[in-house]
Amino acid sequence: MAGLDLNLLVALDALLQEGSVSGAARRIGLSPPAMSHALARLRERLGDPLLVRAGRRMVLTPRAEGLRARARTAAEEVAAVLSRGEPFDAAGLDRAFTVNATDYVLAVLGPALDAIARAEAPGVVLRFVPNAPDDLGLLREGATDLAVGIYGEMPPEIRTRRLLTERFVCAVREGHPGVGRELTLERFLEMEHVQIAPRGKPGGYLDTVLAERGLSRRVARAVPYFLAGLLAVARSDSVITVPERLARAAAGRLGLRILEPPLPLAAYALSLVWHPRLDSDPAHRWLREAFVRAALETAPEVHAEAKTRLGRPLPRGRAGHLHRVKRKPARG
């Protein structure tokens, strides 16, 4: 450790996050010449150019790309170690958090979460962005602070916490000429479907369930947002399979009928996911607890056998029975 300059670590983190000398200088309050000098020292110490010109912009070298997440983690750990450790006060918190989540999370939990944040931490900014195919990579890099979704098995270093459980229902417009009191499997397969694909990938759990029975459906529209899908169904003769809480909340306003799916579909669990470097961060812990409290207020019911990964369907006849059980908030 002799001769180690922690200022170089801060500069390295800024350079790798911003991808430019001027951007890194603004990030940590240095002048561009001072940041250029820091880059020269880093190049000499690491034996790699780190940033190279490509046309009119700078790009990271492969070595720099490999260091990006590690440098971010190390810089945050050093900052935490050297902080004064003052008592946490949510009311005085002045910080922006980026959260990866679907519009389902915003519609179901958003109002309760917003009320908690405004009452306890009015200075907090919550920036919601859509889930990405690589949510975990964004968490590792520090590009996002928290993610909400269905993730299944996580790498050992990633932290998870169950937030709520949910089940699927089908929805069609009121007065649909081809759907009676119940939605039969035969009619279900004849209809055009609107599919929700938050991460932009074709297919999904319902298609897997159908394929295991030698069946398939016709997806006429695939959209990334739940509310957009419900609006499309409200103005067509299509059918959609969506989370129950959102469907029932929107049914009255959009003129939708809620129906039981014509085949058993597993209930599932939504989880909070974050990087362990934020475990002991008081502000981040407050945000996690705010999500949990919003879920307890808005979605306290627990569905039995809820899956953390929607892959294989449940055995026939077991479709995630609902148990109205109040959950106690857990630490973390």
Protein backbone atom coordinates (compact mmCIF):
# COMPACT_ATOMS: atom_id res chain seq x y z
CA MET A 1 0.00 0.00 0.00
CA ALA A 2 3.04 2.28 0.25
CA GLY A 3 2.76 5.19 -2.12
CA LEU A 4 -0.88 4.43 -2.99
CA ASP A 5 -2.78 7.60 -3.90
CA LEU A 6 -6.52 7.18 -3.30
CA ASN A 7 -7.15 10.27 -5.41
CA LEU A 8 -6.09 8.18 -8.39
CA LEU A 9 -8.84 5.68 -7.58
CA VAL A 10 -11.42 8.47 -7.56
CA ALA A 11 -10.07 9.77 -10.88
CA LEU A 12 -10.05 6.27 -12.37
CA ASP A 13 -13.66 5.71 -11.38
CA ALA A 14 -14.72 9.04 -12.89
CA LEU A 15 -12.84 8.41 -16.14
CA LEU A 16 -14.29 4.92 -16.57
CA GLN A 17 -17.84 6.05 -15.77
CA GLU A 18 -17.77 9.15 -17.99
CA GLY A 19 -15.55 7.88 -20.81
CA SER A 20 -14.00 11.32 -21.30
CA VAL A 21 -11.48 13.58 -19.59
CA SER A 22 -13.77 16.62 -19.53
CA GLY A 23 -16.74 14.63 -18.21
CA ALA A 24 -14.61 13.02 -15.50
CA ALA A 25 -13.24 16.43 -14.50
CA ARG A 26 -16.74 17.85 -14.08
CA ARG A 27 -17.84 14.75 -12.14
CA ILE A 28 -15.31 15.22 -9.34
CA GLY A 29 -14.64 18.97 -9.56
CA LEU A 30 -11.17 18.97 -11.13
CA SER A 31 -9.89 21.08 -13.99
CA PRO A 32 -9.43 19.28 -17.35
CA PRO A 33 -5.60 19.70 -17.20
CA ALA A 34 -5.56 18.14 -13.70
CA MET A 35 -7.67 15.21 -14.93
CA SER A 36 -5.38 14.79 -17.96
CA HIS A 37 -2.43 14.60 -15.57
CA ALA A 38 -4.27 11.99 -13.47
CA LEU A 39 -4.98 9.95 -16.62
CA ALA A 40 -1.28 10.04 -17.54
CA ARG A 41 -0.35 8.74 -14.08
CA LEU A 42 -2.99 5.99 -14.31
CA ARG A 43 -1.73 4.92 -17.73
CA GLU A 44 1.79 4.65 -16.37
CA ARG A 45 0.73 2.78 -13.23
CA LEU A 46 -1.61 0.33 -14.99
CA GLY A 47 0.39 -0.09 -18.20
CA ASP A 48 -2.67 0.53 -20.34
CA PRO A 49 -3.95 3.62 -22.23
CA LEU A 50 -7.43 3.16 -20.66
CA LEU A 51 -9.03 5.75 -22.98
CA VAL A 52 -8.24 5.86 -26.70
CA ARG A 53 -9.60 8.05 -29.46
CA ALA A 54 -12.12 6.59 -31.91
CA GLY A 55 -13.08 9.26 -34.43
CA ARG A 56 -14.27 12.33 -32.52
CA ARG A 57 -14.80 10.56 -29.22
CA MET A 58 -12.90 8.51 -26.65
CA VAL A 59 -13.60 4.84 -25.94
CA LEU A 60 -12.50 2.51 -23.16
CA THR A 61 -9.90 -0.14 -23.82
CA PRO A 62 -10.76 -3.77 -22.98
CA ARG A 63 -8.70 -3.47 -19.79
CA ALA A 64 -10.65 -0.35 -18.81
CA GLU A 65 -13.98 -2.05 -19.49
CA GLY A 66 -12.92 -4.89 -17.21
CA LEU A 67 -12.00 -2.44 -14.44
CA ARG A 68 -15.12 -0.28 -14.69
CA ALA A 69 -17.37 -2.12 -12.21
CA ARG A 70 -14.48 -2.91 -9.81
CA ALA A 71 -13.33 0.70 -9.73
CA ARG A 72 -16.90 1.89 -9.00
CA THR A 73 -17.24 -0.57 -6.12
CA ALA A 74 -13.82 0.27 -4.70
CA ALA A 75 -14.44 4.02 -4.84
CA GLU A 76 -17.79 3.67 -3.07
CA GLU A 77 -16.28 1.40 -0.41
CA VAL A 78 -13.49 3.89 0.26
CA ALA A 79 -16.01 6.73 0.51
CA ALA A 80 -18.07 4.70 2.99
CA VAL A 81 -15.02 3.87 5.13
CA LEU A 82 -13.88 7.48 5.27
CA SER A 83 -17.31 9.00 5.86
CA ARG A 84 -18.05 10.60 9.23
CA GLY A 85 -20.84 8.13 9.95
CA GLU A 86 -23.33 10.76 11.09
CA PRO A 87 -26.80 9.56 12.18
CA PHE A 88 -29.04 8.98 9.19
CA ASP A 89 -31.82 11.50 8.69
CA ALA A 90 -34.18 10.70 5.80
CA ALA A 91 -35.71 14.18 6.00
CA GLY A 92 -32.36 15.72 5.12
CA LEU A 93 -31.55 13.27 2.36
CA ASP A 94 -30.60 14.95 -0.93
CA ARG A 95 -29.97 12.11 -3.35
CA ALA A 96 -31.22 10.64 -6.63
CA PHE A 97 -31.87 6.91 -7.00
CA THR A 98 -32.27 5.05 -10.29
CA VAL A 99 -34.66 2.09 -10.14
CA ASN A 100 -35.25 -0.46 -12.90
CA ALA A 101 -38.92 -1.49 -12.88
CA THR A 102 -41.96 -2.07 -15.09
CA ASP A 103 -45.00 0.16 -15.27
CA TYR A 104 -46.80 -2.55 -13.25
CA VAL A 105 -44.60 -1.66 -10.27
CA LEU A 106 -45.26 2.04 -10.80
CA ALA A 107 -49.02 1.56 -11.14
CA VAL A 108 -49.45 -0.81 -8.18
CA LEU A 109 -46.81 0.43 -5.72
CA GLY A 110 -46.07 3.89 -7.08
CA PRO A 111 -48.73 5.92 -5.20
CA ALA A 112 -47.91 4.35 -1.80
CA LEU A 113 -44.15 4.65 -2.41
CA ASP A 114 -44.55 8.27 -3.49
CA ALA A 115 -46.52 9.10 -0.33
CA ILE A 116 -43.81 7.55 1.86
CA ALA A 117 -41.02 9.41 0.05
CA ARG A 118 -42.78 12.78 0.18
CA ALA A 119 -43.55 12.40 3.87
CA GLU A 120 -40.15 11.11 5.01
CA ALA A 121 -37.56 12.20 2.42
CA PRO A 122 -38.87 15.13 0.34
CA GLY A 123 -35.42 15.78 -1.08
CA VAL A 124 -35.12 12.34 -2.69
CA VAL A 125 -35.38 11.99 -6.47
CA LEU A 126 -36.62 8.64 -7.80
CA ARG A 127 -35.77 7.96 -11.44
CA PHE A 128 -37.58 4.92 -12.82
CA VAL A 129 -36.28 3.30 -15.99
CA PRO A 130 -37.50 0.13 -17.76
CA ASN A 131 -36.01 -3.23 -16.88
CA ALA A 132 -33.11 -4.13 -19.13
CA PRO A 133 -31.89 -7.52 -20.38
CA ASP A 134 -28.81 -6.95 -18.17
CA ASP A 135 -30.25 -5.48 -14.96
CA LEU A 136 -27.58 -7.27 -12.93
CA GLY A 137 -24.79 -5.77 -15.00
CA LEU A 138 -26.20 -2.29 -14.46
CA LEU A 139 -26.32 -2.93 -10.71
CA ARG A 140 -22.70 -4.11 -10.69
CA GLU A 141 -21.57 -1.05 -12.63
CA GLY A 142 -23.46 1.34 -10.38
CA ALA A 143 -25.56 2.60 -13.32
CA THR A 144 -28.70 1.70 -11.37
CA ASP A 145 -29.31 1.50 -7.62
CA LEU A 146 -32.17 -0.99 -7.34
CA ALA A 147 -34.15 -3.29 -9.62
CA VAL A 148 -37.58 -4.88 -9.24
CA GLY A 149 -38.54 -7.94 -11.24
CA ILE A 150 -38.67 -11.73 -11.61
CA TYR A 151 -35.07 -12.88 -11.54
CA GLY A 152 -34.85 -16.51 -10.40
CA GLU A 153 -31.46 -17.66 -9.16
CA MET A 154 -29.03 -14.82 -8.50
CA PRO A 155 -25.22 -14.80 -8.47
CA PRO A 156 -24.01 -15.19 -4.88
CA GLU A 157 -22.85 -11.59 -4.61
CA ILE A 158 -26.24 -10.09 -5.53
CA ARG A 159 -28.73 -9.32 -2.76
CA THR A 160 -32.43 -10.09 -3.18
CA ARG A 161 -35.58 -9.63 -1.12
CA ARG A 162 -39.09 -10.78 -1.96
CA LEU A 163 -41.39 -7.80 -2.39
CA LEU A 164 -44.82 -9.17 -3.34
CA THR A 165 -46.55 -12.07 -5.06
CA GLU A 166 -48.97 -11.94 -7.96
CA ARG A 167 -51.08 -14.15 -10.23
CA PHE A 168 -52.24 -13.97 -13.84
CA VAL A 169 -55.71 -13.25 -15.18
CA CYS A 170 -57.04 -12.66 -18.68
CA ALA A 171 -58.79 -9.48 -19.83
CA VAL A 172 -61.04 -8.67 -22.78
CA ARG A 173 -63.18 -5.64 -23.55
CA GLU A 174 -66.69 -5.41 -22.17
CA GLY A 175 -69.23 -6.65 -24.69
CA HIS A 176 -66.69 -8.82 -26.51
CA PRO A 177 -68.86 -10.76 -29.01
CA GLY A 178 -66.85 -13.97 -28.89
CA VAL A 179 -66.38 -14.48 -25.14
CA GLY A 180 -69.12 -15.77 -22.86
CA ARG A 181 -69.17 -16.05 -19.10
CA GLU A 182 -66.02 -18.16 -19.18
CA LEU A 183 -63.00 -18.13 -21.46
CA THR A 184 -62.53 -21.60 -22.90
CA LEU A 185 -59.15 -22.87 -24.02
CA GLU A 186 -60.47 -23.37 -27.55
CA ARG A 187 -61.64 -19.76 -27.79
CA PHE A 188 -58.45 -18.54 -26.09
CA LEU A 189 -56.34 -20.14 -28.83
CA GLU A 190 -58.54 -18.78 -31.62
CA MET A 191 -58.18 -15.16 -30.45
CA GLU A 192 -55.46 -12.66 -31.23
CA HIS A 193 -53.24 -11.94 -28.22
CA VAL A 194 -51.53 -8.82 -26.95
CA GLN A 195 -48.27 -9.80 -25.24
CA ILE A 196 -46.35 -7.80 -22.67
CA ALA A 197 -42.59 -8.04 -23.26
CA PRO A 198 -40.91 -5.61 -20.78
CA ARG A 199 -37.41 -6.62 -21.87
CA GLY A 200 -38.28 -6.81 -25.56
CA LYS A 201 -37.87 -10.57 -25.94
CA PRO A 202 -40.43 -12.64 -27.88
CA GLY A 203 -42.21 -15.53 -26.19
CA GLY A 204 -42.72 -15.91 -22.49
CA TYR A 205 -44.08 -18.04 -19.68
CA LEU A 206 -47.55 -18.46 -21.22
CA ASP A 207 -46.00 -19.63 -24.49
CA THR A 208 -43.94 -22.18 -22.55
CA VAL A 209 -47.07 -23.50 -20.82
CA LEU A 210 -48.86 -23.81 -24.16
CA ALA A 211 -45.89 -25.43 -25.88
CA GLU A 212 -45.70 -28.15 -23.22
CA ARG A 213 -49.26 -29.05 -24.22
CA GLY A 214 -48.43 -28.98 -27.92
CA LEU A 215 -50.31 -25.68 -28.34
CA SER A 216 -49.49 -22.15 -29.46
CA ARG A 217 -51.16 -18.75 -29.69
CA ARG A 218 -51.07 -15.92 -32.21
CA VAL A 219 -49.46 -12.81 -30.77
CA ALA A 220 -50.75 -9.94 -32.90
CA ARG A 221 -49.20 -7.18 -30.79
CA ALA A 222 -46.19 -7.21 -28.47
CA VAL A 223 -45.66 -4.11 -26.33
CA PRO A 224 -43.21 -3.29 -23.52
CA TYR A 225 -45.76 -1.72 -21.15
CA PHE A 226 -48.67 -3.29 -19.27
CA LEU A 227 -50.94 -0.24 -19.49
CA ALA A 228 -50.35 0.06 -23.24
CA GLY A 229 -51.34 -3.59 -23.62
CA LEU A 230 -54.54 -3.10 -21.61
CA LEU A 231 -55.43 -0.04 -23.70
CA ALA A 232 -54.92 -2.06 -26.89
CA VAL A 233 -57.28 -4.78 -25.66
CA ALA A 234 -59.90 -2.24 -24.57
CA ARG A 235 -60.15 -1.06 -28.19
CA SER A 236 -60.02 -4.42 -30.00
CA ASP A 237 -61.24 -8.01 -29.84
CA SER A 238 -57.88 -9.28 -28.58
CA VAL A 239 -57.15 -10.92 -25.24
CA ILE A 240 -54.33 -10.23 -22.82
CA THR A 241 -52.87 -12.20 -19.91
CA VAL A 242 -51.65 -9.85 -17.20
CA PRO A 243 -51.08 -9.49 -13.42
CA GLU A 244 -54.37 -9.49 -11.54
CA ARG A 245 -53.88 -6.37 -9.40
CA LEU A 246 -53.19 -4.15 -12.38
CA ALA A 247 -56.00 -5.66 -14.45
CA ARG A 248 -58.58 -5.10 -11.72
CA ALA A 249 -57.35 -1.57 -11.05
CA ALA A 250 -57.72 -0.66 -14.73
CA ALA A 251 -60.86 -2.66 -15.57
CA GLY A 252 -63.43 -0.04 -14.56
CA ARG A 253 -61.75 2.88 -16.31
CA LEU A 254 -60.96 0.99 -19.51
CA GLY A 255 -64.13 -1.09 -19.76
CA LEU A 256 -62.49 -4.50 -19.37
CA ARG A 257 -63.77 -7.88 -18.23
CA ILE A 258 -61.49 -9.97 -16.02
CA LEU A 259 -61.56 -13.73 -16.65
CA GLU A 260 -59.80 -16.76 -15.25
CA PRO A 261 -57.15 -18.16 -17.61
CA PRO A 262 -58.32 -21.37 -19.32
CA LEU A 263 -55.24 -23.28 -18.14
CA PRO A 264 -53.27 -23.31 -14.87
CA LEU A 265 -50.64 -20.60 -14.58
CA ALA A 266 -48.24 -20.30 -11.66
CA ALA A 267 -48.29 -17.37 -9.30
CA TYR A 268 -44.99 -15.53 -9.16
CA ALA A 269 -42.91 -13.32 -6.87
CA LEU A 270 -41.45 -9.90 -7.58
CA SER A 271 -38.14 -9.24 -5.85
CA LEU A 272 -35.97 -6.28 -4.96
CA VAL A 273 -32.40 -6.75 -6.26
CA TRP A 274 -29.32 -4.71 -5.42
CA HIS A 275 -25.53 -4.88 -5.23
CA PRO A 276 -23.97 -5.75 -1.85
CA ARG A 277 -21.85 -2.59 -1.78
CA LEU A 278 -25.10 -0.78 -0.93
CA ASP A 279 -26.09 -3.15 1.89
CA SER A 280 -24.95 -0.86 4.69
CA ASP A 281 -25.77 2.42 2.95
CA PRO A 282 -28.43 4.01 5.22
CA ALA A 283 -30.09 5.89 2.39
CA HIS A 284 -30.34 2.79 0.23
CA ARG A 285 -31.63 0.79 3.18
CA TRP A 286 -34.32 3.44 3.68
CA LEU A 287 -35.33 3.10 0.00
CA ARG A 288 -35.56 -0.69 0.26
CA GLU A 289 -37.70 -0.42 3.37
CA ALA A 290 -39.92 2.16 1.64
CA PHE A 291 -40.59 -0.33 -1.16
CA VAL A 292 -41.39 -3.07 1.35
CA ARG A 293 -43.77 -0.82 3.30
CA ALA A 294 -45.49 0.23 0.06
CA ALA A 295 -45.96 -3.44 -0.86
CA LEU A 296 -47.34 -4.30 2.59
CA GLU A 297 -49.85 -1.47 2.25
CA THR A 298 -50.86 -2.13 -1.35
CA ALA A 299 -50.32 -5.85 -1.93
CA PRO A 300 -50.30 -7.67 1.45
CA GLU A 301 -51.79 -10.94 0.14
CA VAL A 302 -49.38 -13.83 -0.39
CA HIS A 303 -49.96 -16.38 -3.14
CA ALA A 304 -48.94 -19.92 -2.25
CA GLU A 305 -46.15 -21.53 -4.27
CA ALA A 306 -45.24 -18.26 -5.96
CA LYS A 307 -42.32 -18.80 -8.32
CA THR A 308 -39.20 -16.66 -8.40
CA ARG A 309 -38.62 -17.86 -11.95
CA LEU A 310 -41.39 -18.42 -14.48
CA GLY A 311 -40.18 -21.35 -16.54
CA ARG A 312 -41.86 -24.64 -15.92
CA PRO A 313 -45.60 -24.50 -15.23
CA LEU A 314 -47.17 -25.94 -12.11
CA PRO A 315 -48.72 -29.42 -12.30
CA ARG A 316 -52.26 -29.38 -13.63
CA GLY A 317 -54.82 -28.12 -11.15
CA ARG A 318 -52.39 -26.04 -9.03
CA ALA A 319 -52.48 -22.41 -10.04
CA GLY A 320 -51.18 -20.43 -7.08
CA HIS A 321 -53.94 -20.32 -4.47
CA LEU A 322 -54.26 -17.05 -2.60
CA HIS A 323 -53.63 -16.81 1.13
CA ARG A 324 -54.43 -13.52 2.80
CA VAL A 325 -51.49 -13.39 5.15
CA LYS A 326 -50.01 -10.21 6.53
CA ARG A 327 -46.25 -10.20 6.14
CA LYS A 328 -44.01 -8.69 8.76
CA PRO A 329 -41.36 -6.30 7.46
CA ALA A 330 -37.91 -7.88 7.53
CA ARG A 331 -34.64 -6.15 8.13
CA GLY A 332 -32.48 -5.33 5.18
